[in-house]
Amino acid sequence: MSRFLLICLGGAAGTGARYLLSAWALEFFGPVFPFGTLAVNLIGSFLLSVVMYAGIDAAVLSPTMRLALGTGVMGGFTTYSTFNFETMKYVQDGAWGSAALYVTVTVVACFLAGIAGWATARSVLGTY
């Protein structure tokens, strides 16, 4: 099976898992706080680190399996896990300034992009 297809199948599995976990958290905890999103991001960050360590440092996963699990499953589950892993690698490499810059720019820029997207959609679609 091609890497591309494995990544796509993994992405579908990750997306389904994200939906199920988020729905369960909403039902269990209620809508007072986005516990589902928090759980997905925490679990995804943990699992992507496991996959990357197993695939790169311990070399117990083939490159194809690492891509299927990391890019596919975890990419479908949460992209925050990738952001976390990349930031963690900066810290492990002693590049604290790069890590801080990446976190700051990502959080602020994504927030501003969200505001811009909302404003654009509102101006194009009108107020409902």
C-alpha atoms as a PDB file:
ATOM      1  CA  MET A   1       0.000   0.000   0.000  1.00  0.00           C
ATOM      2  CA  SER A   2       1.368   3.427  -0.853  1.00  0.00           C
ATOM      3  CA  ARG A   3       2.513   5.836   1.846  1.00  0.00           C
ATOM      4  CA  PHE A   4      -0.037   8.349   0.653  1.00  0.00           C
ATOM      5  CA  LEU A   5      -2.933   5.932   1.106  1.00  0.00           C
ATOM      6  CA  LEU A   6      -1.683   4.868   4.543  1.00  0.00           C
ATOM      7  CA  ILE A   7      -1.449   8.511   5.604  1.00  0.00           C
ATOM      8  CA  CYS A   8      -4.982   9.157   4.318  1.00  0.00           C
ATOM      9  CA  LEU A   9      -6.373   6.113   6.139  1.00  0.00           C
ATOM     10  CA  GLY A  10      -4.534   7.128   9.292  1.00  0.00           C
ATOM     11  CA  GLY A  11      -5.948  10.641   8.984  1.00  0.00           C
ATOM     12  CA  ALA A  12      -9.469   9.263   8.761  1.00  0.00           C
ATOM     13  CA  ALA A  13      -8.895   7.137  11.870  1.00  0.00           C
ATOM     14  CA  GLY A  14      -7.450  10.115  13.765  1.00  0.00           C
ATOM     15  CA  THR A  15     -10.328  12.372  12.762  1.00  0.00           C
ATOM     16  CA  GLY A  16     -12.850   9.776  13.889  1.00  0.00           C
ATOM     17  CA  ALA A  17     -11.040   9.347  17.199  1.00  0.00           C
ATOM     18  CA  ARG A  18     -11.014  13.123  17.735  1.00  0.00           C
ATOM     19  CA  TYR A  19     -14.752  13.295  17.111  1.00  0.00           C
ATOM     20  CA  LEU A  20     -15.524  10.417  19.480  1.00  0.00           C
ATOM     21  CA  LEU A  21     -13.338  11.758  22.287  1.00  0.00           C
ATOM     22  CA  SER A  22     -14.683  15.298  21.916  1.00  0.00           C
ATOM     23  CA  ALA A  23     -18.284  14.086  21.873  1.00  0.00           C
ATOM     24  CA  TRP A  24     -17.700  11.932  24.955  1.00  0.00           C
ATOM     25  CA  ALA A  25     -16.067  14.813  26.843  1.00  0.00           C
ATOM     26  CA  LEU A  26     -18.917  17.170  25.949  1.00  0.00           C
ATOM     27  CA  GLU A  27     -21.459  14.634  27.193  1.00  0.00           C
ATOM     28  CA  PHE A  28     -19.473  13.799  30.344  1.00  0.00           C
ATOM     29  CA  PHE A  29     -18.318  17.298  31.381  1.00  0.00           C
ATOM     30  CA  GLY A  30     -20.852  19.527  29.629  1.00  0.00           C
ATOM     31  CA  PRO A  31     -20.141  22.705  27.670  1.00  0.00           C
ATOM     32  CA  VAL A  32     -18.582  24.714  30.534  1.00  0.00           C
ATOM     33  CA  PHE A  33     -15.024  24.331  29.168  1.00  0.00           C
ATOM     34  CA  PRO A  34     -13.582  22.793  25.960  1.00  0.00           C
ATOM     35  CA  PHE A  35     -12.401  19.643  27.754  1.00  0.00           C
ATOM     36  CA  GLY A  36     -12.637  17.587  24.566  1.00  0.00           C
ATOM     37  CA  THR A  37     -10.232  19.851  22.695  1.00  0.00           C
ATOM     38  CA  LEU A  38      -7.910  19.965  25.690  1.00  0.00           C
ATOM     39  CA  ALA A  39      -7.957  16.160  25.975  1.00  0.00           C
ATOM     40  CA  VAL A  40      -7.278  15.737  22.240  1.00  0.00           C
ATOM     41  CA  ASN A  41      -4.340  18.155  22.371  1.00  0.00           C
ATOM     42  CA  LEU A  42      -2.819  16.584  25.498  1.00  0.00           C
ATOM     43  CA  ILE A  43      -3.244  13.001  24.286  1.00  0.00           C
ATOM     44  CA  GLY A  44      -2.085  13.918  20.772  1.00  0.00           C
ATOM     45  CA  SER A  45       1.031  15.643  22.067  1.00  0.00           C
ATOM     46  CA  PHE A  46       1.879  12.612  24.190  1.00  0.00           C
ATOM     47  CA  LEU A  47       1.234  10.065  21.435  1.00  0.00           C
ATOM     48  CA  LEU A  48       3.088  11.951  18.693  1.00  0.00           C
ATOM     49  CA  SER A  49       6.141  12.129  20.943  1.00  0.00           C
ATOM     50  CA  VAL A  50       5.898   8.365  21.486  1.00  0.00           C
ATOM     51  CA  VAL A  51       5.580   7.752  17.726  1.00  0.00           C
ATOM     52  CA  MET A  52       8.486  10.053  16.870  1.00  0.00           C
ATOM     53  CA  TYR A  53      10.766   8.580  19.525  1.00  0.00           C
ATOM     54  CA  ALA A  54       9.874   5.041  18.435  1.00  0.00           C
ATOM     55  CA  GLY A  55      10.392   5.918  14.771  1.00  0.00           C
ATOM     56  CA  ILE A  56      13.503   8.084  14.955  1.00  0.00           C
ATOM     57  CA  ASP A  57      15.456   7.567  18.178  1.00  0.00           C
ATOM     58  CA  ALA A  58      14.607   3.919  18.927  1.00  0.00           C
ATOM     59  CA  ALA A  59      14.175   2.989  15.226  1.00  0.00           C
ATOM     60  CA  VAL A  60      11.478   0.416  16.010  1.00  0.00           C
ATOM     61  CA  LEU A  61       9.015   1.864  13.489  1.00  0.00           C
ATOM     62  CA  SER A  62       9.624   1.917   9.765  1.00  0.00           C
ATOM     63  CA  PRO A  63       9.592   5.341   8.089  1.00  0.00           C
ATOM     64  CA  THR A  64       6.299   4.405   6.427  1.00  0.00           C
ATOM     65  CA  MET A  65       4.689   3.420   9.729  1.00  0.00           C
ATOM     66  CA  ARG A  66       6.018   6.576  11.389  1.00  0.00           C
ATOM     67  CA  LEU A  67       4.410   8.664   8.629  1.00  0.00           C
ATOM     68  CA  ALA A  68       1.141   6.726   8.788  1.00  0.00           C
ATOM     69  CA  LEU A  69       0.916   7.116  12.564  1.00  0.00           C
ATOM     70  CA  GLY A  70       2.499  10.557  12.950  1.00  0.00           C
ATOM     71  CA  THR A  71       1.293  12.463   9.909  1.00  0.00           C
ATOM     72  CA  GLY A  72      -1.824  10.370   9.334  1.00  0.00           C
ATOM     73  CA  VAL A  73      -3.380   9.314  12.630  1.00  0.00           C
ATOM     74  CA  MET A  74      -1.976  12.067  14.816  1.00  0.00           C
ATOM     75  CA  GLY A  75      -2.391  14.671  12.059  1.00  0.00           C
ATOM     76  CA  GLY A  76      -6.064  13.757  11.815  1.00  0.00           C
ATOM     77  CA  PHE A  77      -6.394  13.619  15.580  1.00  0.00           C
ATOM     78  CA  THR A  78      -4.718  16.993  16.258  1.00  0.00           C
ATOM     79  CA  THR A  79      -2.241  19.263  14.543  1.00  0.00           C
ATOM     80  CA  TYR A  80      -1.437  20.757  17.928  1.00  0.00           C
ATOM     81  CA  SER A  81       0.641  17.650  18.614  1.00  0.00           C
ATOM     82  CA  THR A  82       2.957  18.585  15.729  1.00  0.00           C
ATOM     83  CA  PHE A  83       3.281  22.149  17.011  1.00  0.00           C
ATOM     84  CA  ASN A  84       4.113  20.768  20.451  1.00  0.00           C
ATOM     85  CA  PHE A  85       6.681  18.310  19.093  1.00  0.00           C
ATOM     86  CA  GLU A  86       8.419  20.961  16.997  1.00  0.00           C
ATOM     87  CA  THR A  87       8.565  23.310  19.989  1.00  0.00           C
ATOM     88  CA  MET A  88       9.856  20.512  22.225  1.00  0.00           C
ATOM     89  CA  LYS A  89      12.636  19.763  19.704  1.00  0.00           C
ATOM     90  CA  TYR A  90      13.759  23.403  19.822  1.00  0.00           C
ATOM     91  CA  VAL A  91      13.972  23.144  23.624  1.00  0.00           C
ATOM     92  CA  GLN A  92      15.832  19.811  23.454  1.00  0.00           C
ATOM     93  CA  ASP A  93      18.309  21.394  21.048  1.00  0.00           C
ATOM     94  CA  GLY A  94      18.803  24.306  23.448  1.00  0.00           C
ATOM     95  CA  ALA A  95      17.130  26.778  21.095  1.00  0.00           C
ATOM     96  CA  TRP A  96      14.968  28.370  23.785  1.00  0.00           C
ATOM     97  CA  GLY A  97      14.622  31.630  21.856  1.00  0.00           C
ATOM     98  CA  SER A  98      13.327  29.826  18.784  1.00  0.00           C
ATOM     99  CA  ALA A  99      10.916  27.833  20.937  1.00  0.00           C
ATOM    100  CA  ALA A 100       9.566  30.968  22.618  1.00  0.00           C
ATOM    101  CA  LEU A 101       9.285  32.787  19.307  1.00  0.00           C
ATOM    102  CA  TYR A 102       7.487  29.848  17.685  1.00  0.00           C
ATOM    103  CA  VAL A 103       4.993  29.569  20.549  1.00  0.00           C
ATOM    104  CA  THR A 104       4.350  33.314  20.650  1.00  0.00           C
ATOM    105  CA  VAL A 105       4.004  33.754  16.901  1.00  0.00           C
ATOM    106  CA  THR A 106       1.805  30.659  16.568  1.00  0.00           C
ATOM    107  CA  VAL A 107      -0.608  31.604  19.344  1.00  0.00           C
ATOM    108  CA  VAL A 108      -0.853  35.287  18.439  1.00  0.00           C
ATOM    109  CA  ALA A 109      -0.900  34.824  14.654  1.00  0.00           C
ATOM    110  CA  CYS A 110      -3.454  32.003  14.776  1.00  0.00           C
ATOM    111  CA  PHE A 111      -5.669  34.082  17.052  1.00  0.00           C
ATOM    112  CA  LEU A 112      -5.407  37.047  14.672  1.00  0.00           C
ATOM    113  CA  ALA A 113      -6.027  34.772  11.667  1.00  0.00           C
ATOM    114  CA  GLY A 114      -9.159  33.514  13.410  1.00  0.00           C
ATOM    115  CA  ILE A 115     -10.370  37.071  13.973  1.00  0.00           C
ATOM    116  CA  ALA A 116      -9.608  37.926  10.333  1.00  0.00           C
ATOM    117  CA  GLY A 117     -11.429  34.828   9.087  1.00  0.00           C
ATOM    118  CA  TRP A 118     -14.464  35.618  11.218  1.00  0.00           C
ATOM    119  CA  ALA A 119     -14.508  39.244  10.040  1.00  0.00           C
ATOM    120  CA  THR A 120     -14.081  38.224   6.391  1.00  0.00           C
ATOM    121  CA  ALA A 121     -16.875  35.667   6.570  1.00  0.00           C
ATOM    122  CA  ARG A 122     -19.125  38.164   8.351  1.00  0.00           C
ATOM    123  CA  SER A 123     -18.472  40.859   5.745  1.00  0.00           C
ATOM    124  CA  VAL A 124     -19.070  38.468   2.840  1.00  0.00           C
ATOM    125  CA  LEU A 125     -21.988  36.525   4.306  1.00  0.00           C
ATOM    126  CA  GLY A 126     -23.519  39.256   6.443  1.00  0.00           C
ATOM    127  CA  THR A 127     -24.599  39.147  10.064  1.00  0.00           C
ATOM    128  CA  TYR A 128     -26.892  36.320  11.098  1.00  0.00           C
END
